[in-house]
Amino acid sequence: MPRAVTREVRRLGLDIESTVEAGLRGTPDYVQLAHAHSQGRVMVTADVDFRRLHNAGQEHSGIAYSPGRPRSIGEIVEMLVLVHASYTAEEMVGRLEWL
């Protein structure tokens, strides 16, 4: 996700940590997903590999998946705010939510 998404979501008061901030840039996707799960965080991604990990049964605290088509920063932020308002942390566990 673009850094601008992280900045804007944080500005709106949501707790967010980027892969870079977590020190996980370049690590395998399953490691990133496991880290997010250990922190109780929802993974926000456009990477189809995370959808594959979900389908393979890897445990996670939720995946907000934005498939291929280009979206503006505002659209992504708006959808993330909507997901945050619509589901509790418990409801997101193991859930793949398409943005």
PDB file of N, CA and C in Angstrom:
ATOM      1  N   MET A   1       0.840  -1.183   0.000  1.00  0.00           N
ATOM      2  CA  MET A   1       0.000   0.000   0.000  1.00  0.00           C
ATOM      3  C   MET A   1       0.888   1.251   0.000  1.00  0.00           C
ATOM      4  N   PRO A   2       0.449   2.272  -0.651  1.00  0.00           N
ATOM      5  CA  PRO A   2       1.226   3.523  -0.660  1.00  0.00           C
ATOM      6  C   PRO A   2       1.371   4.116   0.743  1.00  0.00           C
ATOM      7  N   ARG A   3       2.492   4.754   0.987  1.00  0.00           N
ATOM      8  CA  ARG A   3       2.729   5.403   2.293  1.00  0.00           C
ATOM      9  C   ARG A   3       1.640   6.413   2.622  1.00  0.00           C
ATOM     10  N   ALA A   4       1.076   7.043   1.601  1.00  0.00           N
ATOM     11  CA  ALA A   4       0.026   8.037   1.834  1.00  0.00           C
ATOM     12  C   ALA A   4      -1.196   7.406   2.500  1.00  0.00           C
ATOM     13  N   VAL A   5      -1.462   6.145   2.216  1.00  0.00           N
ATOM     14  CA  VAL A   5      -2.578   5.451   2.880  1.00  0.00           C
ATOM     15  C   VAL A   5      -2.291   5.355   4.370  1.00  0.00           C
ATOM     16  N   THR A   6      -1.076   4.943   4.714  1.00  0.00           N
ATOM     17  CA  THR A   6      -0.691   4.833   6.125  1.00  0.00           C
ATOM     18  C   THR A   6      -0.837   6.178   6.825  1.00  0.00           C
ATOM     19  N   ARG A   7      -0.308   7.222   6.213  1.00  0.00           N
ATOM     20  CA  ARG A   7      -0.378   8.567   6.826  1.00  0.00           C
ATOM     21  C   ARG A   7      -1.816   9.014   7.036  1.00  0.00           C
ATOM     22  N   GLU A   8      -2.656   8.830   6.013  1.00  0.00           N
ATOM     23  CA  GLU A   8      -4.034   9.316   6.093  1.00  0.00           C
ATOM     24  C   GLU A   8      -4.853   8.505   7.096  1.00  0.00           C
ATOM     25  N   VAL A   9      -4.698   7.211   7.097  1.00  0.00           N
ATOM     26  CA  VAL A   9      -5.432   6.376   8.055  1.00  0.00           C
ATOM     27  C   VAL A   9      -5.000   6.722   9.476  1.00  0.00           C
ATOM     28  N   ARG A  10      -3.717   6.925   9.670  1.00  0.00           N
ATOM     29  CA  ARG A  10      -3.214   7.318  10.993  1.00  0.00           C
ATOM     30  C   ARG A  10      -3.763   8.693  11.392  1.00  0.00           C
ATOM     31  N   ARG A  11      -3.811   9.609  10.442  1.00  0.00           N
ATOM     32  CA  ARG A  11      -4.345  10.952  10.720  1.00  0.00           C
ATOM     33  C   ARG A  11      -5.797  10.876  11.178  1.00  0.00           C
ATOM     34  N   LEU A  12      -6.525   9.884  10.674  1.00  0.00           N
ATOM     35  CA  LEU A  12      -7.924   9.702  11.053  1.00  0.00           C
ATOM     36  C   LEU A  12      -8.094   8.973  12.383  1.00  0.00           C
ATOM     37  N   GLY A  13      -6.967   8.632  13.004  1.00  0.00           N
ATOM     38  CA  GLY A  13      -7.018   8.061  14.342  1.00  0.00           C
ATOM     39  C   GLY A  13      -6.988   6.545  14.420  1.00  0.00           C
ATOM     40  N   LEU A  14      -6.782   5.870  13.288  1.00  0.00           N
ATOM     41  CA  LEU A  14      -6.708   4.413  13.319  1.00  0.00           C
ATOM     42  C   LEU A  14      -5.269   3.983  13.574  1.00  0.00           C
ATOM     43  N   ASP A  15      -5.114   2.908  14.310  1.00  0.00           N
ATOM     44  CA  ASP A  15      -3.798   2.367  14.628  1.00  0.00           C
ATOM     45  C   ASP A  15      -3.323   1.532  13.447  1.00  0.00           C
ATOM     46  N   ILE A  16      -2.217   1.924  12.846  1.00  0.00           N
ATOM     47  CA  ILE A  16      -1.715   1.243  11.652  1.00  0.00           C
ATOM     48  C   ILE A  16      -0.199   1.156  11.728  1.00  0.00           C
ATOM     49  N   GLU A  17       0.343   0.058  11.222  1.00  0.00           N
ATOM     50  CA  GLU A  17       1.789  -0.131  11.159  1.00  0.00           C
ATOM     51  C   GLU A  17       2.115  -0.662   9.771  1.00  0.00           C
ATOM     52  N   SER A  18       3.022  -0.010   9.094  1.00  0.00           N
ATOM     53  CA  SER A  18       3.407  -0.481   7.757  1.00  0.00           C
ATOM     54  C   SER A  18       4.410  -1.624   7.875  1.00  0.00           C
ATOM     55  N   THR A  19       4.574  -2.350   6.800  1.00  0.00           N
ATOM     56  CA  THR A  19       5.567  -3.424   6.744  1.00  0.00           C
ATOM     57  C   THR A  19       6.961  -2.866   6.995  1.00  0.00           C
ATOM     58  N   VAL A  20       7.241  -1.707   6.435  1.00  0.00           N
ATOM     59  CA  VAL A  20       8.550  -1.072   6.632  1.00  0.00           C
ATOM     60  C   VAL A  20       8.741  -0.720   8.105  1.00  0.00           C
ATOM     61  N   GLU A  21       7.732  -0.123   8.729  1.00  0.00           N
ATOM     62  CA  GLU A  21       7.825   0.249  10.146  1.00  0.00           C
ATOM     63  C   GLU A  21       8.030  -0.975  11.040  1.00  0.00           C
ATOM     64  N   ALA A  22       7.455  -2.105  10.636  1.00  0.00           N
ATOM     65  CA  ALA A  22       7.597  -3.343  11.405  1.00  0.00           C
ATOM     66  C   ALA A  22       8.939  -4.024  11.158  1.00  0.00           C
ATOM     67  N   GLY A  23       9.730  -3.488  10.210  1.00  0.00           N
ATOM     68  CA  GLY A  23      11.023  -4.072   9.885  1.00  0.00           C
ATOM     69  C   GLY A  23      10.908  -5.368   9.096  1.00  0.00           C
ATOM     70  N   LEU A  24       9.802  -5.502   8.332  1.00  0.00           N
ATOM     71  CA  LEU A  24       9.542  -6.745   7.612  1.00  0.00           C
ATOM     72  C   LEU A  24       9.616  -6.622   6.098  1.00  0.00           C
ATOM     73  N   ARG A  25      10.090  -5.508   5.610  1.00  0.00           N
ATOM     74  CA  ARG A  25      10.192  -5.344   4.158  1.00  0.00           C
ATOM     75  C   ARG A  25      11.103  -6.423   3.578  1.00  0.00           C
ATOM     76  N   GLY A  26      10.619  -7.095   2.551  1.00  0.00           N
ATOM     77  CA  GLY A  26      11.395  -8.129   1.894  1.00  0.00           C
ATOM     78  C   GLY A  26      11.262  -9.506   2.516  1.00  0.00           C
ATOM     79  N   THR A  27      10.537  -9.621   3.631  1.00  0.00           N
ATOM     80  CA  THR A  27      10.346 -10.939   4.236  1.00  0.00           C
ATOM     81  C   THR A  27       9.198 -11.663   3.517  1.00  0.00           C
ATOM     82  N   PRO A  28       9.167 -12.983   3.614  1.00  0.00           N
ATOM     83  CA  PRO A  28       8.091 -13.733   2.954  1.00  0.00           C
ATOM     84  C   PRO A  28       6.712 -13.311   3.469  1.00  0.00           C
ATOM     85  N   ASP A  29       5.729 -13.433   2.595  1.00  0.00           N
ATOM     86  CA  ASP A  29       4.376 -13.012   2.943  1.00  0.00           C
ATOM     87  C   ASP A  29       3.842 -13.725   4.178  1.00  0.00           C
ATOM     88  N   TYR A  30       4.130 -15.025   4.309  1.00  0.00           N
ATOM     89  CA  TYR A  30       3.611 -15.764   5.460  1.00  0.00           C
ATOM     90  C   TYR A  30       4.192 -15.226   6.774  1.00  0.00           C
ATOM     91  N   VAL A  31       5.422 -14.706   6.732  1.00  0.00           N
ATOM     92  CA  VAL A  31       6.040 -14.109   7.920  1.00  0.00           C
ATOM     93  C   VAL A  31       5.339 -12.795   8.252  1.00  0.00           C
ATOM     94  N   GLN A  32       5.066 -11.992   7.239  1.00  0.00           N
ATOM     95  CA  GLN A  32       4.363 -10.729   7.459  1.00  0.00           C
ATOM     96  C   GLN A  32       2.972 -10.972   8.036  1.00  0.00           C
ATOM     97  N   LEU A  33       2.270 -11.971   7.492  1.00  0.00           N
ATOM     98  CA  LEU A  33       0.918 -12.269   7.970  1.00  0.00           C
ATOM     99  C   LEU A  33       0.957 -12.795   9.403  1.00  0.00           C
ATOM    100  N   ALA A  34       1.940 -13.620   9.715  1.00  0.00           N
ATOM    101  CA  ALA A  34       2.088 -14.139  11.075  1.00  0.00           C
ATOM    102  C   ALA A  34       2.408 -13.001  12.054  1.00  0.00           C
ATOM    103  N   HIS A  35       3.236 -12.056  11.630  1.00  0.00           N
ATOM    104  CA  HIS A  35       3.545 -10.906  12.486  1.00  0.00           C
ATOM    105  C   HIS A  35       2.279 -10.088  12.757  1.00  0.00           C
ATOM    106  N   ALA A  36       1.537  -9.794  11.710  1.00  0.00           N
ATOM    107  CA  ALA A  36       0.290  -9.035  11.888  1.00  0.00           C
ATOM    108  C   ALA A  36      -0.643  -9.774  12.842  1.00  0.00           C
ATOM    109  N   HIS A  37      -0.732 -11.087  12.696  1.00  0.00           N
ATOM    110  CA  HIS A  37      -1.588 -11.890  13.567  1.00  0.00           C
ATOM    111  C   HIS A  37      -1.113 -11.821  15.018  1.00  0.00           C
ATOM    112  N   SER A  38       0.194 -11.889  15.224  1.00  0.00           N
ATOM    113  CA  SER A  38       0.732 -11.833  16.591  1.00  0.00           C
ATOM    114  C   SER A  38       0.444 -10.489  17.252  1.00  0.00           C
ATOM    115  N   GLN A  39       0.262  -9.454  16.448  1.00  0.00           N
ATOM    116  CA  GLN A  39      -0.033  -8.110  16.941  1.00  0.00           C
ATOM    117  C   GLN A  39      -1.532  -7.814  16.962  1.00  0.00           C
ATOM    118  N   GLY A  40      -2.340  -8.755  16.478  1.00  0.00           N
ATOM    119  CA  GLY A  40      -3.789  -8.544  16.396  1.00  0.00           C
ATOM    120  C   GLY A  40      -4.159  -7.528  15.334  1.00  0.00           C
ATOM    121  N   ARG A  41      -3.359  -7.452  14.277  1.00  0.00           N
ATOM    122  CA  ARG A  41      -3.574  -6.468  13.221  1.00  0.00           C
ATOM    123  C   ARG A  41      -4.132  -7.105  11.959  1.00  0.00           C
ATOM    124  N   VAL A  42      -4.949  -6.341  11.265  1.00  0.00           N
ATOM    125  CA  VAL A  42      -5.478  -6.741   9.967  1.00  0.00           C
ATOM    126  C   VAL A  42      -4.433  -6.392   8.919  1.00  0.00           C
ATOM    127  N   MET A  43      -4.153  -7.318   8.027  1.00  0.00           N
ATOM    128  CA  MET A  43      -3.225  -7.071   6.920  1.00  0.00           C
ATOM    129  C   MET A  43      -3.979  -6.360   5.806  1.00  0.00           C
ATOM    130  N   VAL A  44      -3.465  -5.242   5.347  1.00  0.00           N
ATOM    131  CA  VAL A  44      -4.051  -4.506   4.227  1.00  0.00           C
ATOM    132  C   VAL A  44      -3.127  -4.705   3.039  1.00  0.00           C
ATOM    133  N   THR A  45      -3.664  -5.229   1.943  1.00  0.00           N
ATOM    134  CA  THR A  45      -2.789  -5.607   0.832  1.00  0.00           C
ATOM    135  C   THR A  45      -3.523  -5.658  -0.493  1.00  0.00           C
ATOM    136  N   ALA A  46      -2.750  -5.529  -1.553  1.00  0.00           N
ATOM    137  CA  ALA A  46      -3.242  -5.770  -2.912  1.00  0.00           C
ATOM    138  C   ALA A  46      -2.569  -7.010  -3.491  1.00  0.00           C
ATOM    139  N   ASP A  47      -1.760  -7.675  -2.681  1.00  0.00           N
ATOM    140  CA  ASP A  47      -0.973  -8.833  -3.107  1.00  0.00           C
ATOM    141  C   ASP A  47      -1.819 -10.104  -3.033  1.00  0.00           C
ATOM    142  N   VAL A  48      -2.020 -10.737  -4.167  1.00  0.00           N
ATOM    143  CA  VAL A  48      -2.842 -11.946  -4.256  1.00  0.00           C
ATOM    144  C   VAL A  48      -2.277 -13.084  -3.405  1.00  0.00           C
ATOM    145  N   ASP A  49      -0.997 -13.063  -3.089  1.00  0.00           N
ATOM    146  CA  ASP A  49      -0.407 -14.123  -2.277  1.00  0.00           C
ATOM    147  C   ASP A  49      -1.039 -14.196  -0.888  1.00  0.00           C
ATOM    148  N   PHE A  50      -1.484 -13.068  -0.356  1.00  0.00           N
ATOM    149  CA  PHE A  50      -2.135 -13.092   0.952  1.00  0.00           C
ATOM    150  C   PHE A  50      -3.507 -13.767   0.864  1.00  0.00           C
ATOM    151  N   ARG A  51      -4.176 -13.583  -0.246  1.00  0.00           N
ATOM    152  CA  ARG A  51      -5.440 -14.296  -0.475  1.00  0.00           C
ATOM    153  C   ARG A  51      -5.175 -15.799  -0.544  1.00  0.00           C
ATOM    154  N   ARG A  52      -4.089 -16.168  -1.177  1.00  0.00           N
ATOM    155  CA  ARG A  52      -3.722 -17.591  -1.253  1.00  0.00           C
ATOM    156  C   ARG A  52      -3.408 -18.155   0.130  1.00  0.00           C
ATOM    157  N   LEU A  53      -2.715 -17.389   0.962  1.00  0.00           N
ATOM    158  CA  LEU A  53      -2.422 -17.838   2.317  1.00  0.00           C
ATOM    159  C   LEU A  53      -3.712 -18.024   3.112  1.00  0.00           C
ATOM    160  N   HIS A  54      -4.641 -17.105   2.946  1.00  0.00           N
ATOM    161  CA  HIS A  54      -5.959 -17.227   3.589  1.00  0.00           C
ATOM    162  C   HIS A  54      -6.641 -18.514   3.133  1.00  0.00           C
ATOM    163  N   ASN A  55      -6.677 -18.744   1.821  1.00  0.00           N
ATOM    164  CA  ASN A  55      -7.329 -19.931   1.269  1.00  0.00           C
ATOM    165  C   ASN A  55      -6.644 -21.223   1.701  1.00  0.00           C
ATOM    166  N   ALA A  56      -5.343 -21.144   1.999  1.00  0.00           N
ATOM    167  CA  ALA A  56      -4.592 -22.321   2.448  1.00  0.00           C
ATOM    168  C   ALA A  56      -4.780 -22.586   3.940  1.00  0.00           C
ATOM    169  N   GLY A  57      -5.463 -21.667   4.620  1.00  0.00           N
ATOM    170  CA  GLY A  57      -5.768 -21.884   6.031  1.00  0.00           C
ATOM    171  C   GLY A  57      -4.809 -21.271   7.027  1.00  0.00           C
ATOM    172  N   GLN A  58      -3.890 -20.389   6.579  1.00  0.00           N
ATOM    173  CA  GLN A  58      -2.998 -19.748   7.550  1.00  0.00           C
ATOM    174  C   GLN A  58      -3.819 -18.866   8.478  1.00  0.00           C
ATOM    175  N   GLU A  59      -3.571 -18.994   9.760  1.00  0.00           N
ATOM    176  CA  GLU A  59      -4.263 -18.168  10.750  1.00  0.00           C
ATOM    177  C   GLU A  59      -3.873 -16.700  10.556  1.00  0.00           C
ATOM    178  N   HIS A  60      -4.854 -15.827  10.746  1.00  0.00           N
ATOM    179  CA  HIS A  60      -4.579 -14.394  10.654  1.00  0.00           C
ATOM    180  C   HIS A  60      -5.669 -13.610  11.373  1.00  0.00           C
ATOM    181  N   SER A  61      -5.374 -12.357  11.625  1.00  0.00           N
ATOM    182  CA  SER A  61      -6.316 -11.473  12.319  1.00  0.00           C
ATOM    183  C   SER A  61      -7.193 -10.699  11.358  1.00  0.00           C
ATOM    184  N   GLY A  62      -7.177 -11.095  10.103  1.00  0.00           N
ATOM    185  CA  GLY A  62      -7.987 -10.452   9.077  1.00  0.00           C
ATOM    186  C   GLY A  62      -7.115  -9.942   7.952  1.00  0.00           C
ATOM    187  N   ILE A  63      -7.693  -9.974   6.761  1.00  0.00           N
ATOM    188  CA  ILE A  63      -7.014  -9.439   5.583  1.00  0.00           C
ATOM    189  C   ILE A  63      -7.995  -8.532   4.867  1.00  0.00           C
ATOM    190  N   ALA A  64      -7.606  -7.286   4.657  1.00  0.00           N
ATOM    191  CA  ALA A  64      -8.369  -6.356   3.832  1.00  0.00           C
ATOM    192  C   ALA A  64      -7.672  -6.350   2.482  1.00  0.00           C
ATOM    193  N   TYR A  65      -8.341  -6.924   1.493  1.00  0.00           N
ATOM    194  CA  TYR A  65      -7.721  -7.193   0.197  1.00  0.00           C
ATOM    195  C   TYR A  65      -8.286  -6.265  -0.873  1.00  0.00           C
ATOM    196  N   SER A  66      -7.397  -5.540  -1.519  1.00  0.00           N
ATOM    197  CA  SER A  66      -7.761  -4.622  -2.589  1.00  0.00           C
ATOM    198  C   SER A  66      -7.201  -5.168  -3.895  1.00  0.00           C
ATOM    199  N   PRO A  67      -8.029  -5.903  -4.655  1.00  0.00           N
ATOM    200  CA  PRO A  67      -7.526  -6.536  -5.872  1.00  0.00           C
ATOM    201  C   PRO A  67      -7.107  -5.539  -6.936  1.00  0.00           C
ATOM    202  N   GLY A  68      -6.333  -6.054  -7.876  1.00  0.00           N
ATOM    203  CA  GLY A  68      -5.718  -5.404  -8.997  1.00  0.00           C
ATOM    204  C   GLY A  68      -6.078  -4.033  -9.486  1.00  0.00           C
ATOM    205  N   ARG A  69      -7.331  -3.675  -9.615  1.00  0.00           N
ATOM    206  CA  ARG A  69      -7.632  -2.405 -10.287  1.00  0.00           C
ATOM    207  C   ARG A  69      -7.103  -1.215  -9.495  1.00  0.00           C
ATOM    208  N   PRO A  70      -6.567  -0.231 -10.179  1.00  0.00           N
ATOM    209  CA  PRO A  70      -6.020   0.949  -9.496  1.00  0.00           C
ATOM    210  C   PRO A  70      -7.111   1.716  -8.736  1.00  0.00           C
ATOM    211  N   ARG A  71      -6.762   2.143  -7.564  1.00  0.00           N
ATOM    212  CA  ARG A  71      -7.676   2.939  -6.736  1.00  0.00           C
ATOM    213  C   ARG A  71      -6.920   4.158  -6.215  1.00  0.00           C
ATOM    214  N   SER A  72      -7.657   5.204  -5.987  1.00  0.00           N
ATOM    215  CA  SER A  72      -7.033   6.401  -5.427  1.00  0.00           C
ATOM    216  C   SER A  72      -6.755   6.185  -3.939  1.00  0.00           C
ATOM    217  N   ILE A  73      -5.869   7.000  -3.398  1.00  0.00           N
ATOM    218  CA  ILE A  73      -5.569   6.950  -1.971  1.00  0.00           C
ATOM    219  C   ILE A  73      -6.856   7.162  -1.182  1.00  0.00           C
ATOM    220  N   GLY A  74      -7.645   8.126  -1.607  1.00  0.00           N
ATOM    221  CA  GLY A  74      -8.907   8.422  -0.920  1.00  0.00           C
ATOM    222  C   GLY A  74      -9.858   7.239  -0.916  1.00  0.00           C
ATOM    223  N   GLU A  75      -9.953   6.524  -2.035  1.00  0.00           N
ATOM    224  CA  GLU A  75     -10.830   5.343  -2.096  1.00  0.00           C
ATOM    225  C   GLU A  75     -10.370   4.259  -1.129  1.00  0.00           C
ATOM    226  N   ILE A  76      -9.083   4.004  -1.104  1.00  0.00           N
ATOM    227  CA  ILE A  76      -8.555   2.979  -0.207  1.00  0.00           C
ATOM    228  C   ILE A  76      -8.809   3.362   1.245  1.00  0.00           C
ATOM    229  N   VAL A  77      -8.504   4.604   1.591  1.00  0.00           N
ATOM    230  CA  VAL A  77      -8.706   5.079   2.963  1.00  0.00           C
ATOM    231  C   VAL A  77     -10.180   4.974   3.334  1.00  0.00           C
ATOM    232  N   GLU A  78     -11.062   5.409   2.461  1.00  0.00           N
ATOM    233  CA  GLU A  78     -12.495   5.344   2.725  1.00  0.00           C
ATOM    234  C   GLU A  78     -12.947   3.901   2.989  1.00  0.00           C
ATOM    235  N   MET A  79     -12.454   2.973   2.199  1.00  0.00           N
ATOM    236  CA  MET A  79     -12.832   1.567   2.388  1.00  0.00           C
ATOM    237  C   MET A  79     -12.281   1.006   3.691  1.00  0.00           C
ATOM    238  N   LEU A  80     -11.061   1.394   4.059  1.00  0.00           N
ATOM    239  CA  LEU A  80     -10.491   0.920   5.318  1.00  0.00           C
ATOM    240  C   LEU A  80     -11.258   1.467   6.513  1.00  0.00           C
ATOM    241  N   VAL A  81     -11.655   2.715   6.447  1.00  0.00           N
ATOM    242  CA  VAL A  81     -12.452   3.306   7.519  1.00  0.00           C
ATOM    243  C   VAL A  81     -13.793   2.575   7.629  1.00  0.00           C
ATOM    244  N   LEU A  82     -14.382   2.243   6.504  1.00  0.00           N
ATOM    245  CA  LEU A  82     -15.651   1.507   6.494  1.00  0.00           C
ATOM    246  C   LEU A  82     -15.490   0.116   7.117  1.00  0.00           C
ATOM    247  N   VAL A  83     -14.436  -0.598   6.748  1.00  0.00           N
ATOM    248  CA  VAL A  83     -14.189  -1.917   7.342  1.00  0.00           C
ATOM    249  C   VAL A  83     -13.993  -1.783   8.849  1.00  0.00           C
ATOM    250  N   HIS A  84     -13.220  -0.790   9.260  1.00  0.00           N
ATOM    251  CA  HIS A  84     -12.971  -0.572  10.689  1.00  0.00           C
ATOM    252  C   HIS A  84     -14.266  -0.291  11.445  1.00  0.00           C
ATOM    253  N   ALA A  85     -15.159   0.459  10.832  1.00  0.00           N
ATOM    254  CA  ALA A  85     -16.435   0.795  11.476  1.00  0.00           C
ATOM    255  C   ALA A  85     -17.434  -0.360  11.436  1.00  0.00           C
ATOM    256  N   SER A  86     -17.253  -1.287  10.500  1.00  0.00           N
ATOM    257  CA  SER A  86     -18.237  -2.349  10.286  1.00  0.00           C
ATOM    258  C   SER A  86     -17.969  -3.621  11.076  1.00  0.00           C
ATOM    259  N   TYR A  87     -16.718  -3.889  11.406  1.00  0.00           N
ATOM    260  CA  TYR A  87     -16.355  -5.151  12.045  1.00  0.00           C
ATOM    261  C   TYR A  87     -15.530  -4.921  13.299  1.00  0.00           C
ATOM    262  N   THR A  88     -15.771  -5.738  14.300  1.00  0.00           N
ATOM    263  CA  THR A  88     -14.907  -5.714  15.473  1.00  0.00           C
ATOM    264  C   THR A  88     -13.637  -6.488  15.145  1.00  0.00           C
ATOM    265  N   ALA A  89     -12.645  -6.348  16.002  1.00  0.00           N
ATOM    266  CA  ALA A  89     -11.405  -7.103  15.813  1.00  0.00           C
ATOM    267  C   ALA A  89     -11.694  -8.599  15.813  1.00  0.00           C
ATOM    268  N   GLU A  90     -12.580  -9.028  16.691  1.00  0.00           N
ATOM    269  CA  GLU A  90     -12.932 -10.451  16.766  1.00  0.00           C
ATOM    270  C   GLU A  90     -13.611 -10.930  15.487  1.00  0.00           C
ATOM    271  N   GLU A  91     -14.436 -10.094  14.890  1.00  0.00           N
ATOM    272  CA  GLU A  91     -15.133 -10.470  13.653  1.00  0.00           C
ATOM    273  C   GLU A  91     -14.180 -10.548  12.462  1.00  0.00           C
ATOM    274  N   MET A  92     -13.079  -9.837  12.523  1.00  0.00           N
ATOM    275  CA  MET A  92     -12.118  -9.846  11.418  1.00  0.00           C
ATOM    276  C   MET A  92     -11.187 -11.056  11.461  1.00  0.00           C
ATOM    277  N   VAL A  93     -11.047 -11.699  12.609  1.00  0.00           N
ATOM    278  CA  VAL A  93     -10.134 -12.845  12.709  1.00  0.00           C
ATOM    279  C   VAL A  93     -10.538 -13.913  11.703  1.00  0.00           C
ATOM    280  N   GLY A  94      -9.581 -14.279  10.861  1.00  0.00           N
ATOM    281  CA  GLY A  94      -9.809 -15.292   9.837  1.00  0.00           C
ATOM    282  C   GLY A  94     -10.625 -14.836   8.642  1.00  0.00           C
ATOM    283  N   ARG A  95     -10.979 -13.562   8.604  1.00  0.00           N
ATOM    284  CA  ARG A  95     -11.839 -13.026   7.545  1.00  0.00           C
ATOM    285  C   ARG A  95     -11.004 -12.377   6.428  1.00  0.00           C
ATOM    286  N   LEU A  96     -11.397 -12.625   5.196  1.00  0.00           N
ATOM    287  CA  LEU A  96     -10.828 -11.937   4.042  1.00  0.00           C
ATOM    288  C   LEU A  96     -11.894 -10.967   3.539  1.00  0.00           C
ATOM    289  N   GLU A  97     -11.639  -9.687   3.702  1.00  0.00           N
ATOM    290  CA  GLU A  97     -12.606  -8.656   3.298  1.00  0.00           C
ATOM    291  C   GLU A  97     -12.110  -7.975   2.030  1.00  0.00           C
ATOM    292  N   TRP A  98     -12.883  -8.079   0.978  1.00  0.00           N
ATOM    293  CA  TRP A  98     -12.527  -7.448  -0.306  1.00  0.00           C
ATOM    294  C   TRP A  98     -12.864  -5.964  -0.241  1.00  0.00           C
ATOM    295  N   LEU A  99     -11.894  -5.142  -0.638  1.00  0.00           N
ATOM    296  CA  LEU A  99     -12.119  -3.695  -0.669  1.00  0.00           C
ATOM    297  C   LEU A  99     -12.562  -3.265  -2.056  1.00  0.00           C
TER     298      LEU A  99
END
